[in-house]
């Protein structure tokens, strides 16, 4: 046995085996309980055992050859679990602790002198809701909202320390501004594709020689089809709730028989936009985009699409989304965009399609019946496919 100091948290939010317990996920107002464990390999005099609980927001941007940092603590609590000096025998010693996540913090001063930053909240002082946990690091540019427990045993030279990070997600106490899914439609730019018919009146691609000739003069036996794709997706997303995404092949065919289109590998990504600023002689403001926060990327092949009939991909959004909801504070803001990616094949041609929704709002889960229910709402809203338990998800073709 060697000397060691550790923080062990009690399980919460649905049991020791829940994803919330493993991720140390909490909501405002929830109790954080656990114990500090000190293992001694020999009898040792201990002056104190201290545990500290803090919430911190930090932004940092490069400026000239230096970096400017803005940092403030939303709260800082400290408890002395053991008061010495006292000689503890070689053994394992435990001290329980308990804290409560506050629901708000007090912003006592405004370092930006009331100016604020673009895209940030202009409310400078007073009672503010706790910010959700987040971390963004790009070179010397950093943005962090962190909640940590630290245990410390003071020593003459080097203190014994132990740290645990906690993740906070806020909850909504009110319903959505619009109780229905807020959706929007995006249309991709159109393509025009040439083709011909076989002897059996089946569409076929042009040969290389036919493609070359078509560049210089039109042939009467060349056919063409103009098509585009549109996607409809929610722009108001509650974390922990599944939503559908609808994809439509848009075309006005002039022939009775047209080429067949196949849908491949639809997937969705959130694009996070982090705005941050620091105070200074002028207000340094940076905006960074983080792409590819993957959602439920549903792999499928050779799904035939009918012209002008929407195809609905169910439950694209996962049960637990590791992204903070949309928020804005005095020095840090987070917003999102959504992009729908898929591949289309038609007559041996491949098309990569992206439909973008530049403004998407992520809402926190709604706390209706208490803390435990809110945690469960975040963790248990699993995507449930309405069909066989094995195989690809069900796709709904519209009328």
Protein backbone atom coordinates (compact mmCIF):
# COMPACT_ATOMS: atom_id res chain seq x y z
CA UNK A 1 0.00 0.00 0.00
CA UNK A 2 1.22 3.52 -0.82
CA UNK A 3 -0.06 6.89 0.29
CA UNK A 4 -2.98 8.06 -1.83
CA UNK A 5 -5.84 10.55 -1.71
CA UNK A 6 -8.98 9.98 -3.79
CA UNK A 7 -12.49 11.35 -4.23
CA UNK A 8 -15.20 8.73 -4.70
CA UNK A 9 -18.64 9.99 -5.76
CA UNK A 10 -21.87 8.27 -4.86
CA UNK A 11 -23.96 7.03 -7.79
CA UNK A 12 -26.91 9.18 -8.83
CA UNK A 13 -29.39 9.72 -11.60
CA UNK A 14 -30.67 6.21 -12.10
CA UNK A 15 -28.22 3.91 -10.32
CA UNK A 16 -24.55 3.05 -10.28
CA UNK A 17 -24.68 1.52 -13.75
CA UNK A 18 -26.35 4.50 -15.42
CA UNK A 19 -24.55 6.54 -18.02
CA UNK A 20 -25.17 9.63 -15.89
CA UNK A 21 -23.29 8.14 -12.94
CA UNK A 22 -20.34 7.18 -15.11
CA UNK A 23 -20.22 10.62 -16.74
CA UNK A 24 -20.67 12.49 -13.42
CA UNK A 25 -23.65 14.29 -14.95
CA UNK A 26 -25.63 16.65 -12.69
CA UNK A 27 -28.31 19.31 -12.97
CA UNK A 28 -28.71 22.52 -10.91
CA UNK A 29 -30.13 21.87 -7.46
CA UNK A 30 -28.88 18.29 -7.31
CA UNK A 31 -26.83 17.06 -4.37
CA UNK A 32 -23.25 15.93 -4.92
CA UNK A 33 -22.30 13.33 -2.31
CA UNK A 34 -19.33 11.08 -1.84
CA UNK A 35 -16.30 10.53 0.31
CA UNK A 36 -12.64 11.45 0.49
CA UNK A 37 -10.45 8.37 0.96
CA UNK A 38 -6.93 8.67 2.39
CA UNK A 39 -4.71 5.57 2.37
CA UNK A 40 -1.59 5.74 4.56
CA UNK A 41 1.28 3.29 4.38
CA UNK A 42 2.63 4.41 7.76
CA UNK A 43 1.48 6.42 10.76
CA UNK A 44 1.35 10.06 9.63
CA UNK A 45 0.53 13.36 11.26
CA UNK A 46 -2.25 15.12 9.33
CA UNK A 47 -3.11 18.78 9.85
CA UNK A 48 -6.38 18.83 7.88
CA UNK A 49 -8.46 17.29 5.11
CA UNK A 50 -10.18 19.92 2.97
CA UNK A 51 -12.62 19.49 0.08
CA UNK A 52 -13.50 22.35 -2.27
CA UNK A 53 -16.33 22.61 -4.84
CA UNK A 54 -16.00 25.31 -7.52
CA UNK A 55 -17.59 26.38 -10.78
CA UNK A 56 -15.41 28.40 -13.15
CA UNK A 57 -15.78 30.09 -16.54
CA UNK A 58 -12.61 30.89 -18.47
CA UNK A 59 -11.95 32.45 -21.88
CA UNK A 60 -8.55 33.03 -23.42
CA UNK A 61 -7.51 34.49 -26.77
CA UNK A 62 -4.08 35.20 -28.29
CA UNK A 63 -3.16 38.89 -28.48
CA UNK A 64 0.06 40.03 -30.15
CA UNK A 65 2.71 37.75 -28.65
CA UNK A 66 0.77 37.05 -25.49
CA UNK A 67 -2.59 35.64 -24.45
CA UNK A 68 -5.35 37.52 -22.65
CA UNK A 69 -7.50 35.62 -20.17
CA UNK A 70 -10.83 36.35 -18.54
CA UNK A 71 -11.82 34.11 -15.64
CA UNK A 72 -14.53 34.23 -13.02
CA UNK A 73 -15.82 31.80 -10.42
CA UNK A 74 -19.56 31.28 -10.35
CA UNK A 75 -19.30 29.77 -6.87
CA UNK A 76 -16.71 28.32 -4.50
CA UNK A 77 -17.60 26.19 -1.45
CA UNK A 78 -15.13 24.66 0.98
CA UNK A 79 -15.48 22.19 3.85
CA UNK A 80 -12.89 21.00 6.33
CA UNK A 81 -13.60 17.31 6.81
CA UNK A 82 -10.82 16.76 9.35
CA UNK A 83 -9.07 19.19 11.67
CA UNK A 84 -5.71 18.30 13.20
CA UNK A 85 -2.94 18.12 13.83
CA UNK A 86 -3.42 14.46 14.62
CA UNK A 87 -1.43 11.33 13.91
CA UNK A 88 -3.44 8.83 11.86
CA UNK A 89 -2.37 5.21 11.86
CA UNK A 90 -1.39 3.35 8.70
CA UNK A 91 -4.79 2.41 7.33
CA UNK A 92 -7.59 3.57 5.03
CA UNK A 93 -9.51 6.60 6.31
CA UNK A 94 -12.77 7.94 4.88
CA UNK A 95 -14.65 11.22 5.32
CA UNK A 96 -18.08 11.76 3.71
CA UNK A 97 -19.06 15.08 2.15
CA UNK A 98 -22.13 16.65 0.62
CA UNK A 99 -22.63 19.71 -1.59
CA UNK A 100 -25.56 21.06 -3.56
CA UNK A 101 -25.21 22.47 -7.03
CA UNK A 102 -26.54 26.04 -6.88
CA UNK A 103 -29.16 27.00 -9.44
CA UNK A 104 -27.82 30.53 -9.97
CA UNK A 105 -24.73 32.62 -9.38
CA UNK A 106 -24.18 36.30 -8.70
CA UNK A 107 -22.22 38.32 -11.27
CA UNK A 108 -20.94 41.14 -9.08
CA UNK A 109 -19.08 43.23 -11.65
CA UNK A 110 -18.84 43.68 -15.40
CA UNK A 111 -15.25 43.67 -16.70
CA UNK A 112 -16.49 44.77 -20.11
CA UNK A 113 -17.85 48.06 -18.77
CA UNK A 114 -21.30 47.41 -20.16
CA UNK A 115 -20.11 47.01 -23.75
CA UNK A 116 -20.32 43.24 -24.01
CA UNK A 117 -19.31 41.15 -27.00
CA UNK A 118 -21.09 40.35 -30.23
CA UNK A 119 -23.55 37.53 -29.69
CA UNK A 120 -23.17 37.64 -25.91
CA UNK A 121 -25.68 38.38 -23.23
CA UNK A 122 -25.64 42.09 -22.34
CA UNK A 123 -26.94 41.51 -18.83
CA UNK A 124 -23.84 42.30 -16.85
CA UNK A 125 -24.50 41.87 -13.16
CA UNK A 126 -26.98 40.26 -10.83
CA UNK A 127 -28.46 36.80 -10.60
CA UNK A 128 -27.55 34.57 -13.56
CA UNK A 129 -28.34 30.89 -14.31
CA UNK A 130 -25.42 28.47 -14.08
CA UNK A 131 -23.68 27.83 -17.38
CA UNK A 132 -23.59 24.30 -18.84
CA UNK A 133 -20.30 22.42 -18.83
CA UNK A 134 -18.29 22.86 -22.00
CA UNK A 135 -14.71 22.90 -23.25
CA UNK A 136 -13.17 24.29 -26.43
CA UNK A 137 -9.44 24.40 -27.10
CA UNK A 138 -7.79 25.63 -30.31
CA UNK A 139 -4.15 26.56 -29.86
CA UNK A 140 -3.96 29.50 -27.48
CA UNK A 141 -7.69 30.10 -27.74
CA UNK A 142 -9.67 28.42 -24.97
CA UNK A 143 -13.20 28.44 -23.61
CA UNK A 144 -14.13 26.37 -20.58
CA UNK A 145 -17.00 26.06 -18.15
CA UNK A 146 -15.82 23.63 -15.49
CA UNK A 147 -17.15 22.26 -12.24
CA UNK A 148 -14.63 20.50 -10.03
CA UNK A 149 -14.24 18.88 -6.65
CA UNK A 150 -10.78 19.04 -5.13
CA UNK A 151 -9.62 17.26 -1.98
CA UNK A 152 -6.42 18.43 -0.35
CA UNK A 153 -4.24 17.35 2.57
CA UNK A 154 -1.75 20.17 3.40
CA UNK A 155 1.87 19.01 3.61
CA UNK A 156 5.13 20.79 4.41
CA UNK A 157 6.47 20.57 0.87
CA UNK A 158 3.92 19.10 -1.57
CA UNK A 159 0.23 18.83 -0.68
CA UNK A 160 -1.65 15.61 -1.40
CA UNK A 161 -4.43 16.45 -3.87
CA UNK A 162 -7.20 14.75 -5.78
CA UNK A 163 -9.60 16.25 -8.38
CA UNK A 164 -12.85 15.14 -9.96
CA UNK A 165 -14.62 16.99 -12.79
CA UNK A 166 -18.41 17.20 -12.79
CA UNK A 167 -20.61 17.80 -15.83
CA UNK A 168 -23.58 20.14 -15.46
CA UNK A 169 -26.54 20.30 -17.80
CA UNK A 170 -29.30 22.83 -17.11
CA UNK A 171 -32.99 21.90 -17.27
CA UNK A 172 -35.98 23.82 -18.52
CA UNK A 173 -38.68 24.67 -16.04
CA UNK A 174 -41.01 25.89 -18.79
CA UNK A 175 -42.34 24.35 -21.97
CA UNK A 176 -40.90 25.14 -25.38
CA UNK A 177 -41.99 28.50 -26.80
CA UNK A 178 -43.69 26.45 -29.53
CA UNK A 179 -44.91 23.04 -28.31
CA UNK A 180 -44.65 21.62 -31.83
CA UNK A 181 -41.45 20.69 -33.61
CA UNK A 182 -39.91 23.81 -35.07
CA UNK A 183 -38.90 22.68 -38.54
CA UNK A 184 -37.35 24.25 -41.58
CA UNK A 185 -36.70 23.11 -45.13
CA UNK A 186 -33.44 23.47 -47.03
CA UNK A 187 -33.11 22.81 -50.78
CA UNK A 188 -29.87 21.80 -52.45
CA UNK A 189 -28.89 23.38 -55.77
CA UNK A 190 -30.20 21.39 -58.75
CA UNK A 191 -28.27 19.08 -61.06
CA UNK A 192 -28.98 18.20 -64.69
CA UNK A 193 -28.02 14.72 -65.88
CA UNK A 194 -28.06 13.26 -69.41
CA UNK A 195 -29.08 9.69 -70.18
CA UNK A 196 -30.37 7.50 -72.99
CA UNK A 197 -32.62 4.48 -73.41
CA UNK A 198 -31.71 0.91 -74.18
CA UNK A 199 -33.57 -1.07 -76.83
CA UNK A 200 -35.91 -2.19 -74.07
CA UNK A 201 -36.68 1.42 -73.13
CA UNK A 202 -34.63 1.29 -69.91
CA UNK A 203 -32.64 4.41 -68.91
CA UNK A 204 -28.89 3.95 -69.24
CA UNK A 205 -25.86 6.24 -68.78
CA UNK A 206 -24.08 7.77 -71.72
CA UNK A 207 -20.92 6.11 -72.92
CA UNK A 208 -17.65 8.04 -72.85
CA UNK A 209 -17.93 8.68 -76.58
CA UNK A 210 -21.53 9.87 -76.20
CA UNK A 211 -20.55 12.18 -73.34
CA UNK A 212 -17.78 13.67 -75.48
CA UNK A 213 -20.11 14.28 -78.41
CA UNK A 214 -22.79 15.79 -76.18
CA UNK A 215 -20.40 18.59 -75.21
CA UNK A 216 -20.35 19.91 -78.78
CA UNK A 217 -23.82 19.30 -80.14
CA UNK A 218 -27.13 18.00 -78.91
CA UNK A 219 -28.34 14.61 -80.01
CA UNK A 220 -32.01 13.93 -80.41
CA UNK A 221 -31.72 10.65 -78.56
CA UNK A 222 -30.14 12.27 -75.48
CA UNK A 223 -32.52 12.70 -72.59
CA UNK A 224 -32.03 14.96 -69.56
CA UNK A 225 -33.43 15.16 -66.06
CA UNK A 226 -33.08 18.07 -63.65
CA UNK A 227 -33.34 17.25 -59.98
CA UNK A 228 -32.55 18.57 -56.53
CA UNK A 229 -32.88 17.37 -52.95
CA UNK A 230 -34.47 19.01 -49.96
CA UNK A 231 -34.32 18.13 -46.28
CA UNK A 232 -36.69 19.10 -43.51
CA UNK A 233 -35.32 19.00 -39.96
CA UNK A 234 -36.18 20.48 -36.56
CA UNK A 235 -34.49 23.72 -35.63
CA UNK A 236 -35.73 23.53 -32.03
CA UNK A 237 -34.17 20.40 -30.48
CA UNK A 238 -34.68 19.17 -26.93
CA UNK A 239 -31.67 17.16 -25.77
CA UNK A 240 -32.73 13.60 -25.05
CA UNK A 241 -35.70 13.59 -27.42
CA UNK A 242 -35.67 11.82 -30.82
CA UNK A 243 -36.69 13.71 -33.96
CA UNK A 244 -37.18 12.72 -37.61
CA UNK A 245 -35.45 14.16 -40.64
CA UNK A 246 -37.20 14.12 -44.02
CA UNK A 247 -35.39 13.94 -47.37
CA UNK A 248 -37.16 14.54 -50.69
CA UNK A 249 -36.04 14.06 -54.29
CA UNK A 250 -37.44 17.02 -56.21
CA UNK A 251 -37.89 16.65 -59.96
CA UNK A 252 -40.44 17.24 -62.69
CA UNK A 253 -39.80 14.34 -65.10
CA UNK A 254 -40.79 14.87 -68.73
CA UNK A 255 -40.48 11.18 -69.64
CA UNK A 256 -42.63 8.27 -68.62
CA UNK A 257 -39.55 6.28 -67.58
CA UNK A 258 -36.78 8.05 -65.68
CA UNK A 259 -33.56 6.81 -64.02
CA UNK A 260 -33.79 5.24 -60.58
CA UNK A 261 -32.30 7.11 -57.60
CA UNK A 262 -30.87 5.33 -54.56
CA UNK A 263 -30.18 6.83 -51.12
CA UNK A 264 -27.02 5.86 -49.24
CA UNK A 265 -25.59 6.55 -45.78
CA UNK A 266 -27.71 9.42 -44.46
CA UNK A 267 -26.19 11.09 -41.43
CA UNK A 268 -26.59 14.26 -39.40
CA UNK A 269 -24.02 16.52 -37.77
CA UNK A 270 -24.25 19.44 -35.39
CA UNK A 271 -21.86 22.30 -36.04
CA UNK A 272 -21.05 24.13 -32.81
CA UNK A 273 -20.20 27.83 -32.92
CA UNK A 274 -18.36 29.15 -29.84
CA UNK A 275 -18.13 32.92 -29.39
CA UNK A 276 -15.76 34.12 -26.69
CA UNK A 277 -14.22 37.38 -25.61
CA UNK A 278 -11.89 38.81 -22.98
CA UNK A 279 -11.61 42.33 -21.56
CA UNK A 280 -8.73 44.55 -22.54
CA UNK A 281 -7.88 47.92 -24.00
CA UNK A 282 -10.35 46.82 -26.66
CA UNK A 283 -12.66 43.85 -26.54
CA UNK A 284 -10.97 40.87 -28.16
CA UNK A 285 -13.63 38.70 -29.70
CA UNK A 286 -13.20 35.33 -31.38
CA UNK A 287 -15.63 32.92 -33.00
CA UNK A 288 -14.79 29.27 -33.64
CA UNK A 289 -16.68 26.54 -35.43
CA UNK A 290 -16.43 22.93 -34.33
CA UNK A 291 -17.82 20.51 -36.89
CA UNK A 292 -18.92 16.91 -36.81
CA UNK A 293 -20.68 16.45 -33.51
CA UNK A 294 -22.08 13.17 -34.78
CA UNK A 295 -25.69 12.25 -34.19
CA UNK A 296 -27.23 8.89 -35.08
CA UNK A 297 -25.45 8.18 -38.36
CA UNK A 298 -27.74 5.63 -39.95
CA UNK A 299 -26.04 3.41 -42.49
CA UNK A 300 -28.15 2.01 -45.30
CA UNK A 301 -27.62 1.15 -48.94
CA UNK A 302 -29.74 0.97 -52.06
CA UNK A 303 -32.88 2.55 -50.70
CA UNK A 304 -34.88 3.61 -53.72
CA UNK A 305 -36.27 7.14 -53.68
CA UNK A 306 -39.49 8.00 -55.48
CA UNK A 307 -39.65 11.47 -57.10
CA UNK A 308 -41.36 14.12 -54.98
CA UNK A 309 -42.21 11.67 -52.19
CA UNK A 310 -40.55 12.47 -48.86
CA UNK A 311 -38.58 9.79 -47.03
CA UNK A 312 -38.58 10.11 -43.25
CA UNK A 313 -35.57 8.95 -41.22
CA UNK A 314 -36.86 8.36 -37.71
CA UNK A 315 -35.07 9.11 -34.44
CA UNK A 316 -31.98 10.77 -35.88
CA UNK A 317 -31.14 12.49 -32.60
CA UNK A 318 -29.57 10.34 -29.86
CA UNK A 319 -30.71 9.76 -26.30
CA UNK A 320 -27.64 11.42 -24.76
CA UNK A 321 -26.08 14.29 -26.63
CA UNK A 322 -22.69 15.37 -25.33
CA UNK A 323 -23.18 19.01 -26.20
CA UNK A 324 -24.30 21.88 -23.97
CA UNK A 325 -27.63 23.50 -24.84
CA UNK A 326 -27.61 26.88 -26.55
CA UNK A 327 -26.59 29.58 -24.06
CA UNK A 328 -25.15 33.06 -23.81
CA UNK A 329 -23.22 34.70 -20.99
CA UNK A 330 -21.16 37.83 -20.54
CA UNK A 331 -17.99 36.38 -22.09
CA UNK A 332 -19.02 33.09 -23.67
CA UNK A 333 -21.82 31.96 -25.97
CA UNK A 334 -22.65 28.71 -27.71
CA UNK A 335 -24.91 28.22 -30.71
CA UNK A 336 -25.40 25.50 -33.31
CA UNK A 337 -26.07 24.66 -36.90
CA UNK A 338 -27.27 21.36 -38.34
CA UNK A 339 -26.16 19.64 -41.54
CA UNK A 340 -27.76 16.61 -43.18
CA UNK A 341 -25.38 14.54 -45.34
CA UNK A 342 -26.27 11.70 -47.69
CA UNK A 343 -25.14 10.09 -50.94
CA UNK A 344 -27.23 9.48 -54.05
CA UNK A 345 -26.45 7.13 -56.92
CA UNK A 346 -28.18 7.32 -60.28
CA UNK A 347 -27.04 5.56 -63.49
CA UNK A 348 -23.54 4.89 -62.11
CA UNK A 349 -23.17 8.54 -61.08
CA UNK A 350 -22.59 9.46 -57.43
CA UNK A 351 -23.73 12.69 -55.79
CA UNK A 352 -22.74 13.96 -52.33
CA UNK A 353 -25.56 16.07 -50.93
CA UNK A 354 -25.42 18.41 -47.92
CA UNK A 355 -28.42 20.38 -46.67
CA UNK A 356 -27.49 22.95 -44.02
CA UNK A 357 -29.56 24.57 -41.29
CA UNK A 358 -27.35 27.40 -40.00
CA UNK A 359 -29.41 28.23 -36.90
CA UNK A 360 -30.49 25.42 -34.59
CA UNK A 361 -31.41 25.88 -30.94
CA UNK A 362 -30.62 23.13 -28.45
CA UNK A 363 -32.96 23.16 -25.46
CA UNK A 364 -32.22 21.44 -22.19
CA UNK A 365 -34.46 18.64 -20.92
CA UNK A 366 -37.58 19.75 -19.05
CA UNK A 367 -37.75 19.16 -15.31
CA UNK A 368 -41.38 18.25 -14.66
CA UNK A 369 -41.37 15.98 -11.62
CA UNK A 370 -38.06 16.57 -9.90
CA UNK A 371 -34.32 16.11 -10.18
CA UNK A 372 -34.26 12.35 -10.74
CA UNK A 373 -36.89 12.53 -13.48
CA UNK A 374 -34.97 15.27 -15.26
CA UNK A 375 -31.78 13.20 -15.22
CA UNK A 376 -33.73 10.22 -16.54
CA UNK A 377 -35.18 12.40 -19.29
CA UNK A 378 -31.64 13.14 -20.43
CA UNK A 379 -30.53 9.51 -20.27
CA UNK A 380 -33.52 7.36 -21.15
CA UNK A 381 -35.05 8.98 -24.25
CA UNK A 382 -33.44 6.29 -26.41
CA UNK A 383 -34.11 6.19 -30.14
CA UNK A 384 -36.65 3.42 -30.57
CA UNK A 385 -37.13 2.20 -34.11
CA UNK A 386 -40.68 1.20 -34.86
CA UNK A 387 -39.91 -2.10 -36.53
CA UNK A 388 -37.73 -5.21 -36.22
CA UNK A 389 -35.12 -5.19 -33.51
CA UNK A 390 -32.43 -6.08 -36.05
CA UNK A 391 -31.62 -4.54 -39.40
CA UNK A 392 -31.85 -0.99 -40.70
CA UNK A 393 -34.36 1.53 -39.37
CA UNK A 394 -37.75 1.98 -40.94
CA UNK A 395 -38.10 4.61 -43.64
CA UNK A 396 -41.44 6.19 -44.27
CA UNK A 397 -42.34 7.21 -47.79
CA UNK A 398 -44.81 10.07 -47.84
CA UNK A 399 -47.95 10.00 -49.90
